[in-house]
Amino acid sequence: MKPRPKRSMFNPLRWGLNLWIAVDQLGNVVTGGAPDETISGRMGRAIVNKAGGFGGWLSRTLCKGLNVLDRNHCVETYEYEKELGLHRPESLGDRPGD
């Protein structure tokens, strides 16, 4: 039987990704969003629901910029977070602008 490779307790890539997600979630909480929802997921919800006003415009604009790095990032993040149940129950009614 082959010995298992040693696992490093500190994986810088994993640590950095987790830190980035934590900062993203904190930013969403500070602006009144759900604690487990990311800013990208919140903007994706605004796009899917065709939210109007400044929030809808800002979401579409910022997500167009993110599309350069990761195509359809915001909408896919929203759908993934919705599937995991990370949104507040009241936001699952998908009220535009929420």
Protein backbone atom coordinates (compact mmCIF):
# COMPACT_ATOMS: atom_id res chain seq x y z
CA MET A 1 0.00 0.00 0.00
CA LYS A 2 1.28 3.41 -0.99
CA PRO A 3 1.76 5.92 1.84
CA ARG A 4 -0.48 8.96 1.67
CA PRO A 5 1.25 12.18 0.69
CA LYS A 6 1.71 14.64 3.53
CA ARG A 7 -0.87 17.38 3.53
CA SER A 8 0.31 20.83 4.28
CA MET A 9 -1.62 22.53 7.04
CA PHE A 10 -1.14 25.86 5.29
CA ASN A 11 -2.16 26.09 1.68
CA PRO A 12 -1.61 29.73 0.60
CA LEU A 13 -3.93 29.48 -2.40
CA ARG A 14 -6.81 28.03 -0.38
CA TRP A 15 -6.21 30.51 2.44
CA GLY A 16 -6.19 33.46 0.03
CA LEU A 17 -9.39 32.32 -1.68
CA ASN A 18 -11.17 31.88 1.65
CA LEU A 19 -9.99 35.31 2.78
CA TRP A 20 -11.26 36.89 -0.43
CA ILE A 21 -14.68 35.24 -0.01
CA ALA A 22 -14.84 36.43 3.62
CA VAL A 23 -14.08 40.03 2.58
CA ASP A 24 -16.70 39.75 -0.19
CA GLN A 25 -19.33 38.52 2.27
CA LEU A 26 -18.40 41.25 4.76
CA GLY A 27 -18.90 43.87 2.06
CA ASN A 28 -22.33 42.45 1.34
CA VAL A 29 -23.30 42.46 5.04
CA VAL A 30 -22.14 46.08 5.47
CA THR A 31 -24.45 47.10 2.60
CA GLY A 32 -27.43 45.26 4.10
CA GLY A 33 -27.21 41.87 2.40
CA ALA A 34 -27.40 38.32 3.72
CA PRO A 35 -24.31 37.14 5.69
CA ASP A 36 -23.57 34.14 3.46
CA GLU A 37 -24.34 35.85 0.16
CA THR A 38 -21.50 37.40 -1.83
CA ILE A 39 -21.63 40.73 -3.62
CA SER A 40 -21.44 38.91 -6.97
CA GLY A 41 -24.45 36.79 -6.04
CA ARG A 42 -26.40 39.84 -5.01
CA MET A 43 -25.58 41.61 -8.28
CA GLY A 44 -26.50 38.43 -10.18
CA ARG A 45 -29.90 38.44 -8.48
CA ALA A 46 -30.43 42.05 -9.58
CA ILE A 47 -29.52 41.11 -13.16
CA VAL A 48 -31.76 38.01 -13.27
CA ASN A 49 -34.69 40.03 -11.89
CA LYS A 50 -34.01 42.99 -14.17
CA ALA A 51 -33.79 45.39 -11.24
CA GLY A 52 -34.13 49.02 -12.11
CA GLY A 53 -32.70 52.11 -10.52
CA PHE A 54 -29.14 52.75 -9.48
CA GLY A 55 -28.64 49.26 -7.96
CA GLY A 56 -29.66 47.51 -11.16
CA TRP A 57 -27.52 49.79 -13.31
CA LEU A 58 -24.50 49.41 -11.01
CA SER A 59 -24.89 45.62 -10.94
CA ARG A 60 -25.03 45.35 -14.72
CA THR A 61 -22.05 47.69 -15.14
CA LEU A 62 -19.80 45.95 -12.60
CA CYS A 63 -20.72 42.49 -13.87
CA LYS A 64 -19.85 43.48 -17.43
CA GLY A 65 -16.36 44.24 -16.12
CA LEU A 66 -16.21 40.90 -14.29
CA ASN A 67 -17.26 39.12 -17.49
CA VAL A 68 -13.81 39.90 -18.88
CA LEU A 69 -12.25 37.68 -16.20
CA ASP A 70 -15.01 35.10 -15.75
CA ARG A 71 -17.84 34.96 -18.26
CA ASN A 72 -21.33 35.21 -16.71
CA HIS A 73 -19.79 35.28 -13.21
CA CYS A 74 -22.53 37.16 -11.35
CA VAL A 75 -25.50 35.18 -12.67
CA GLU A 76 -23.75 31.84 -12.16
CA THR A 77 -22.74 32.85 -8.62
CA TYR A 78 -26.33 33.84 -7.84
CA GLU A 79 -27.68 30.52 -9.13
CA TYR A 80 -25.03 28.56 -7.18
CA GLU A 81 -25.74 30.44 -3.94
CA LYS A 82 -29.49 30.07 -4.42
CA GLU A 83 -29.04 26.31 -4.89
CA LEU A 84 -27.04 26.14 -1.64
CA GLY A 85 -29.63 28.22 0.22
CA LEU A 86 -27.26 31.05 1.14
CA HIS A 87 -29.79 33.83 0.58
CA ARG A 88 -32.17 35.19 3.18
CA PRO A 89 -35.64 33.64 2.88
CA GLU A 90 -37.20 37.03 2.09
CA SER A 91 -34.74 37.59 -0.75
CA LEU A 92 -35.71 34.33 -2.40
CA GLY A 93 -38.88 36.10 -3.48
CA ASP A 94 -36.33 37.88 -5.68
CA ARG A 95 -37.54 41.40 -5.03
CA PRO A 96 -35.75 43.65 -7.49
CA GLY A 97 -33.38 46.10 -5.89
CA ASP A 98 -33.02 44.03 -2.70
